[in-house]
Protein backbone atom coordinates (compact mmCIF):
# COMPACT_ATOMS: atom_id res chain seq x y z
CA UNK A 1 0.00 0.00 0.00
CA UNK A 2 1.43 3.38 -0.94
CA UNK A 3 1.54 6.38 1.38
CA UNK A 4 2.29 9.92 0.29
CA UNK A 5 2.38 13.28 2.02
CA UNK A 6 2.58 16.82 0.65
CA UNK A 7 3.45 19.97 2.55
CA UNK A 8 4.90 23.43 2.29
CA UNK A 9 7.99 22.06 4.07
CA UNK A 10 9.68 18.68 4.22
CA UNK A 11 8.52 18.31 7.83
CA UNK A 12 4.90 18.95 6.82
CA UNK A 13 5.16 16.33 4.06
CA UNK A 14 6.41 13.82 6.68
CA UNK A 15 3.46 14.76 8.95
CA UNK A 16 0.94 14.32 6.15
CA UNK A 17 2.45 10.97 5.16
CA UNK A 18 2.05 9.86 8.78
CA UNK A 19 -1.67 10.67 8.53
CA UNK A 20 -1.75 8.61 5.31
CA UNK A 21 -0.09 5.75 7.25
CA UNK A 22 -2.86 5.90 9.85
CA UNK A 23 -5.46 6.01 7.06
CA UNK A 24 -4.18 2.64 5.79
CA UNK A 25 -5.24 1.17 9.15
CA UNK A 26 -8.26 3.23 10.30
CA UNK A 27 -10.07 6.49 9.63
CA UNK A 28 -7.77 9.06 11.32
CA UNK A 29 -10.83 11.13 12.26
CA UNK A 30 -11.90 8.32 14.62
CA UNK A 31 -8.63 8.52 16.59
CA UNK A 32 -8.57 11.00 19.45
CA UNK A 33 -5.21 12.77 20.04
CA UNK A 34 -5.18 12.08 23.81
CA UNK A 35 -1.59 10.99 24.49
CA UNK A 36 1.70 12.16 23.02
CA UNK A 37 4.63 9.93 22.10
CA UNK A 38 8.03 11.48 21.33
CA UNK A 39 10.00 10.07 18.43
CA UNK A 40 13.63 10.65 17.45
CA UNK A 41 15.25 9.38 14.23
CA UNK A 42 18.29 10.05 12.14
CA UNK A 43 19.61 8.79 8.85
CA UNK A 44 22.12 9.63 6.16
CA UNK A 45 19.60 11.14 3.71
CA UNK A 46 16.00 12.34 3.41
CA UNK A 47 14.61 9.10 1.98
CA UNK A 48 16.12 6.92 4.70
CA UNK A 49 14.98 9.43 7.33
CA UNK A 50 11.43 9.20 5.99
CA UNK A 51 11.48 5.39 6.19
CA UNK A 52 12.91 5.59 9.72
CA UNK A 53 10.12 8.01 10.74
CA UNK A 54 7.37 5.73 9.45
CA UNK A 55 8.99 2.64 10.95
CA UNK A 56 9.31 4.40 14.30
CA UNK A 57 5.59 5.19 14.18
CA UNK A 58 4.76 1.59 13.26
CA UNK A 59 6.93 0.36 16.15
CA UNK A 60 5.23 2.71 18.64
CA UNK A 61 1.79 1.64 17.42
CA UNK A 62 2.69 -2.02 17.92
CA UNK A 63 4.36 -1.85 21.34
CA UNK A 64 1.96 0.69 22.85
CA UNK A 65 -1.12 -0.74 21.09
CA UNK A 66 -1.94 2.80 19.95
CA UNK A 67 -3.19 4.60 16.88
CA UNK A 68 -2.09 8.14 16.01
CA UNK A 69 -3.99 10.98 14.36
CA UNK A 70 -1.86 14.12 14.79
CA UNK A 71 1.84 14.66 14.21
CA UNK A 72 4.50 17.33 14.57
CA UNK A 73 7.92 16.98 12.95
CA UNK A 74 11.10 19.05 13.08
CA UNK A 75 13.98 18.09 10.78
CA UNK A 76 17.53 19.37 10.95
CA UNK A 77 20.56 17.82 9.22
CA UNK A 78 18.84 14.44 8.67
CA UNK A 79 17.77 14.32 12.33
CA UNK A 80 14.09 14.21 13.12
CA UNK A 81 12.38 15.09 16.37
CA UNK A 82 8.70 14.35 16.26
CA UNK A 83 5.58 13.92 18.30
CA UNK A 84 2.62 11.67 17.58
CA UNK A 85 -0.71 12.11 19.37
CA UNK A 86 -3.21 9.31 19.63
CA UNK A 87 -4.96 6.82 21.83
CA UNK A 88 -5.02 3.15 22.70
CA UNK A 89 -6.52 1.04 19.91
CA UNK A 90 -10.01 -0.23 20.65
CA UNK A 91 -10.73 -2.73 17.83
CA UNK A 92 -14.51 -2.65 18.31
CA UNK A 93 -14.57 1.15 17.99
CA UNK A 94 -11.68 1.85 15.60
CA UNK A 95 -12.26 -1.19 13.34
CA UNK A 96 -8.67 -1.49 12.05
CA UNK A 97 -8.57 -2.84 8.49
CA UNK A 98 -4.97 -4.10 8.42
CA UNK A 99 -1.76 -4.18 10.43
CA UNK A 100 1.12 -2.30 8.85
CA UNK A 101 4.34 -4.29 9.24
CA UNK A 102 6.84 -1.74 7.99
CA UNK A 103 7.87 0.94 5.53
CA UNK A 104 9.80 -0.36 2.53
CA UNK A 105 12.24 1.23 0.12
CA UNK A 106 9.83 0.60 -2.77
CA UNK A 107 8.97 3.91 -4.46
CA UNK A 108 10.77 5.67 -1.59
CA UNK A 109 11.14 9.31 -2.59
CA UNK A 110 11.40 12.66 -0.80
CA UNK A 111 11.74 15.73 -2.98
CA UNK A 112 10.77 19.35 -3.43
CA UNK A 113 7.86 20.06 -5.78
CA UNK A 114 6.62 23.21 -7.47
CA UNK A 115 4.54 24.04 -4.38
CA UNK A 116 6.49 22.50 -1.49
CA UNK A 117 7.60 18.96 -0.64
CA UNK A 118 6.46 15.40 -1.28
CA UNK A 119 7.36 12.25 0.67
CA UNK A 120 6.22 8.77 -0.41
CA UNK A 121 6.87 5.06 -0.01
CA UNK A 122 5.15 1.68 0.06
CA UNK A 123 4.31 -0.02 3.35
CA UNK A 124 3.92 -3.76 3.92
CA UNK A 125 0.56 -4.79 5.37
C-alpha atoms as a PDB file:
ATOM      1  CA  UNK A   1       0.000   0.000   0.000  1.00  0.00           C
ATOM      2  CA  UNK A   2       1.434   3.381  -0.939  1.00  0.00           C
ATOM      3  CA  UNK A   3       1.541   6.380   1.384  1.00  0.00           C
ATOM      4  CA  UNK A   4       2.295   9.924   0.295  1.00  0.00           C
ATOM      5  CA  UNK A   5       2.377  13.276   2.016  1.00  0.00           C
ATOM      6  CA  UNK A   6       2.583  16.817   0.653  1.00  0.00           C
ATOM      7  CA  UNK A   7       3.449  19.969   2.547  1.00  0.00           C
ATOM      8  CA  UNK A   8       4.899  23.433   2.285  1.00  0.00           C
ATOM      9  CA  UNK A   9       7.985  22.058   4.072  1.00  0.00           C
ATOM     10  CA  UNK A  10       9.677  18.676   4.222  1.00  0.00           C
ATOM     11  CA  UNK A  11       8.517  18.314   7.828  1.00  0.00           C
ATOM     12  CA  UNK A  12       4.902  18.953   6.819  1.00  0.00           C
ATOM     13  CA  UNK A  13       5.164  16.330   4.060  1.00  0.00           C
ATOM     14  CA  UNK A  14       6.408  13.823   6.684  1.00  0.00           C
ATOM     15  CA  UNK A  15       3.463  14.762   8.949  1.00  0.00           C
ATOM     16  CA  UNK A  16       0.939  14.317   6.150  1.00  0.00           C
ATOM     17  CA  UNK A  17       2.449  10.966   5.164  1.00  0.00           C
ATOM     18  CA  UNK A  18       2.051   9.858   8.784  1.00  0.00           C
ATOM     19  CA  UNK A  19      -1.666  10.666   8.526  1.00  0.00           C
ATOM     20  CA  UNK A  20      -1.752   8.605   5.314  1.00  0.00           C
ATOM     21  CA  UNK A  21      -0.093   5.754   7.246  1.00  0.00           C
ATOM     22  CA  UNK A  22      -2.865   5.898   9.852  1.00  0.00           C
ATOM     23  CA  UNK A  23      -5.465   6.009   7.063  1.00  0.00           C
ATOM     24  CA  UNK A  24      -4.181   2.644   5.792  1.00  0.00           C
ATOM     25  CA  UNK A  25      -5.240   1.174   9.150  1.00  0.00           C
ATOM     26  CA  UNK A  26      -8.261   3.233  10.301  1.00  0.00           C
ATOM     27  CA  UNK A  27     -10.073   6.485   9.631  1.00  0.00           C
ATOM     28  CA  UNK A  28      -7.768   9.055  11.315  1.00  0.00           C
ATOM     29  CA  UNK A  29     -10.832  11.128  12.262  1.00  0.00           C
ATOM     30  CA  UNK A  30     -11.898   8.321  14.617  1.00  0.00           C
ATOM     31  CA  UNK A  31      -8.627   8.519  16.587  1.00  0.00           C
ATOM     32  CA  UNK A  32      -8.566  10.997  19.449  1.00  0.00           C
ATOM     33  CA  UNK A  33      -5.211  12.767  20.035  1.00  0.00           C
ATOM     34  CA  UNK A  34      -5.179  12.081  23.808  1.00  0.00           C
ATOM     35  CA  UNK A  35      -1.585  10.992  24.493  1.00  0.00           C
ATOM     36  CA  UNK A  36       1.703  12.165  23.015  1.00  0.00           C
ATOM     37  CA  UNK A  37       4.632   9.932  22.104  1.00  0.00           C
ATOM     38  CA  UNK A  38       8.034  11.484  21.333  1.00  0.00           C
ATOM     39  CA  UNK A  39      10.003  10.066  18.427  1.00  0.00           C
ATOM     40  CA  UNK A  40      13.628  10.647  17.447  1.00  0.00           C
ATOM     41  CA  UNK A  41      15.249   9.381  14.228  1.00  0.00           C
ATOM     42  CA  UNK A  42      18.286  10.054  12.143  1.00  0.00           C
ATOM     43  CA  UNK A  43      19.606   8.789   8.846  1.00  0.00           C
ATOM     44  CA  UNK A  44      22.121   9.634   6.157  1.00  0.00           C
ATOM     45  CA  UNK A  45      19.597  11.143   3.705  1.00  0.00           C
ATOM     46  CA  UNK A  46      15.996  12.344   3.410  1.00  0.00           C
ATOM     47  CA  UNK A  47      14.615   9.099   1.977  1.00  0.00           C
ATOM     48  CA  UNK A  48      16.115   6.916   4.697  1.00  0.00           C
ATOM     49  CA  UNK A  49      14.979   9.427   7.329  1.00  0.00           C
ATOM     50  CA  UNK A  50      11.428   9.200   5.991  1.00  0.00           C
ATOM     51  CA  UNK A  51      11.484   5.390   6.187  1.00  0.00           C
ATOM     52  CA  UNK A  52      12.911   5.591   9.722  1.00  0.00           C
ATOM     53  CA  UNK A  53      10.118   8.010  10.738  1.00  0.00           C
ATOM     54  CA  UNK A  54       7.370   5.733   9.454  1.00  0.00           C
ATOM     55  CA  UNK A  55       8.987   2.641  10.949  1.00  0.00           C
ATOM     56  CA  UNK A  56       9.308   4.396  14.305  1.00  0.00           C
ATOM     57  CA  UNK A  57       5.587   5.187  14.182  1.00  0.00           C
ATOM     58  CA  UNK A  58       4.763   1.592  13.265  1.00  0.00           C
ATOM     59  CA  UNK A  59       6.926   0.359  16.155  1.00  0.00           C
ATOM     60  CA  UNK A  60       5.233   2.707  18.641  1.00  0.00           C
ATOM     61  CA  UNK A  61       1.786   1.639  17.418  1.00  0.00           C
ATOM     62  CA  UNK A  62       2.694  -2.022  17.924  1.00  0.00           C
ATOM     63  CA  UNK A  63       4.358  -1.851  21.343  1.00  0.00           C
ATOM     64  CA  UNK A  64       1.960   0.692  22.847  1.00  0.00           C
ATOM     65  CA  UNK A  65      -1.120  -0.741  21.088  1.00  0.00           C
ATOM     66  CA  UNK A  66      -1.943   2.805  19.950  1.00  0.00           C
ATOM     67  CA  UNK A  67      -3.195   4.603  16.877  1.00  0.00           C
ATOM     68  CA  UNK A  68      -2.092   8.144  16.015  1.00  0.00           C
ATOM     69  CA  UNK A  69      -3.987  10.977  14.357  1.00  0.00           C
ATOM     70  CA  UNK A  70      -1.859  14.117  14.790  1.00  0.00           C
ATOM     71  CA  UNK A  71       1.841  14.663  14.211  1.00  0.00           C
ATOM     72  CA  UNK A  72       4.505  17.334  14.569  1.00  0.00           C
ATOM     73  CA  UNK A  73       7.918  16.979  12.953  1.00  0.00           C
ATOM     74  CA  UNK A  74      11.102  19.053  13.075  1.00  0.00           C
ATOM     75  CA  UNK A  75      13.977  18.094  10.779  1.00  0.00           C
ATOM     76  CA  UNK A  76      17.526  19.374  10.955  1.00  0.00           C
ATOM     77  CA  UNK A  77      20.564  17.822   9.224  1.00  0.00           C
ATOM     78  CA  UNK A  78      18.843  14.444   8.670  1.00  0.00           C
ATOM     79  CA  UNK A  79      17.772  14.323  12.331  1.00  0.00           C
ATOM     80  CA  UNK A  80      14.085  14.207  13.121  1.00  0.00           C
ATOM     81  CA  UNK A  81      12.380  15.093  16.369  1.00  0.00           C
ATOM     82  CA  UNK A  82       8.697  14.353  16.262  1.00  0.00           C
ATOM     83  CA  UNK A  83       5.578  13.922  18.303  1.00  0.00           C
ATOM     84  CA  UNK A  84       2.616  11.670  17.580  1.00  0.00           C
ATOM     85  CA  UNK A  85      -0.709  12.106  19.366  1.00  0.00           C
ATOM     86  CA  UNK A  86      -3.205   9.307  19.629  1.00  0.00           C
ATOM     87  CA  UNK A  87      -4.958   6.819  21.826  1.00  0.00           C
ATOM     88  CA  UNK A  88      -5.019   3.146  22.700  1.00  0.00           C
ATOM     89  CA  UNK A  89      -6.522   1.042  19.913  1.00  0.00           C
ATOM     90  CA  UNK A  90     -10.014  -0.234  20.650  1.00  0.00           C
ATOM     91  CA  UNK A  91     -10.730  -2.732  17.833  1.00  0.00           C
ATOM     92  CA  UNK A  92     -14.514  -2.651  18.310  1.00  0.00           C
ATOM     93  CA  UNK A  93     -14.571   1.154  17.986  1.00  0.00           C
ATOM     94  CA  UNK A  94     -11.676   1.845  15.601  1.00  0.00           C
ATOM     95  CA  UNK A  95     -12.261  -1.191  13.341  1.00  0.00           C
ATOM     96  CA  UNK A  96      -8.671  -1.494  12.046  1.00  0.00           C
ATOM     97  CA  UNK A  97      -8.570  -2.843   8.492  1.00  0.00           C
ATOM     98  CA  UNK A  98      -4.966  -4.103   8.421  1.00  0.00           C
ATOM     99  CA  UNK A  99      -1.764  -4.182  10.430  1.00  0.00           C
ATOM    100  CA  UNK A 100       1.117  -2.295   8.853  1.00  0.00           C
ATOM    101  CA  UNK A 101       4.344  -4.288   9.242  1.00  0.00           C
ATOM    102  CA  UNK A 102       6.840  -1.736   7.992  1.00  0.00           C
ATOM    103  CA  UNK A 103       7.872   0.940   5.529  1.00  0.00           C
ATOM    104  CA  UNK A 104       9.796  -0.360   2.529  1.00  0.00           C
ATOM    105  CA  UNK A 105      12.244   1.230   0.118  1.00  0.00           C
ATOM    106  CA  UNK A 106       9.830   0.596  -2.772  1.00  0.00           C
ATOM    107  CA  UNK A 107       8.967   3.912  -4.461  1.00  0.00           C
ATOM    108  CA  UNK A 108      10.769   5.671  -1.590  1.00  0.00           C
ATOM    109  CA  UNK A 109      11.145   9.312  -2.589  1.00  0.00           C
ATOM    110  CA  UNK A 110      11.403  12.663  -0.795  1.00  0.00           C
ATOM    111  CA  UNK A 111      11.742  15.730  -2.982  1.00  0.00           C
ATOM    112  CA  UNK A 112      10.770  19.350  -3.430  1.00  0.00           C
ATOM    113  CA  UNK A 113       7.860  20.057  -5.781  1.00  0.00           C
ATOM    114  CA  UNK A 114       6.615  23.213  -7.473  1.00  0.00           C
ATOM    115  CA  UNK A 115       4.538  24.038  -4.380  1.00  0.00           C
ATOM    116  CA  UNK A 116       6.491  22.496  -1.488  1.00  0.00           C
ATOM    117  CA  UNK A 117       7.597  18.962  -0.644  1.00  0.00           C
ATOM    118  CA  UNK A 118       6.457  15.398  -1.281  1.00  0.00           C
ATOM    119  CA  UNK A 119       7.358  12.248   0.671  1.00  0.00           C
ATOM    120  CA  UNK A 120       6.224   8.773  -0.405  1.00  0.00           C
ATOM    121  CA  UNK A 121       6.874   5.060  -0.011  1.00  0.00           C
ATOM    122  CA  UNK A 122       5.146   1.684   0.057  1.00  0.00           C
ATOM    123  CA  UNK A 123       4.315  -0.016   3.355  1.00  0.00           C
ATOM    124  CA  UNK A 124       3.916  -3.758   3.921  1.00  0.00           C
ATOM    125  CA  UNK A 125       0.564  -4.787   5.365  1.00  0.00           C
END
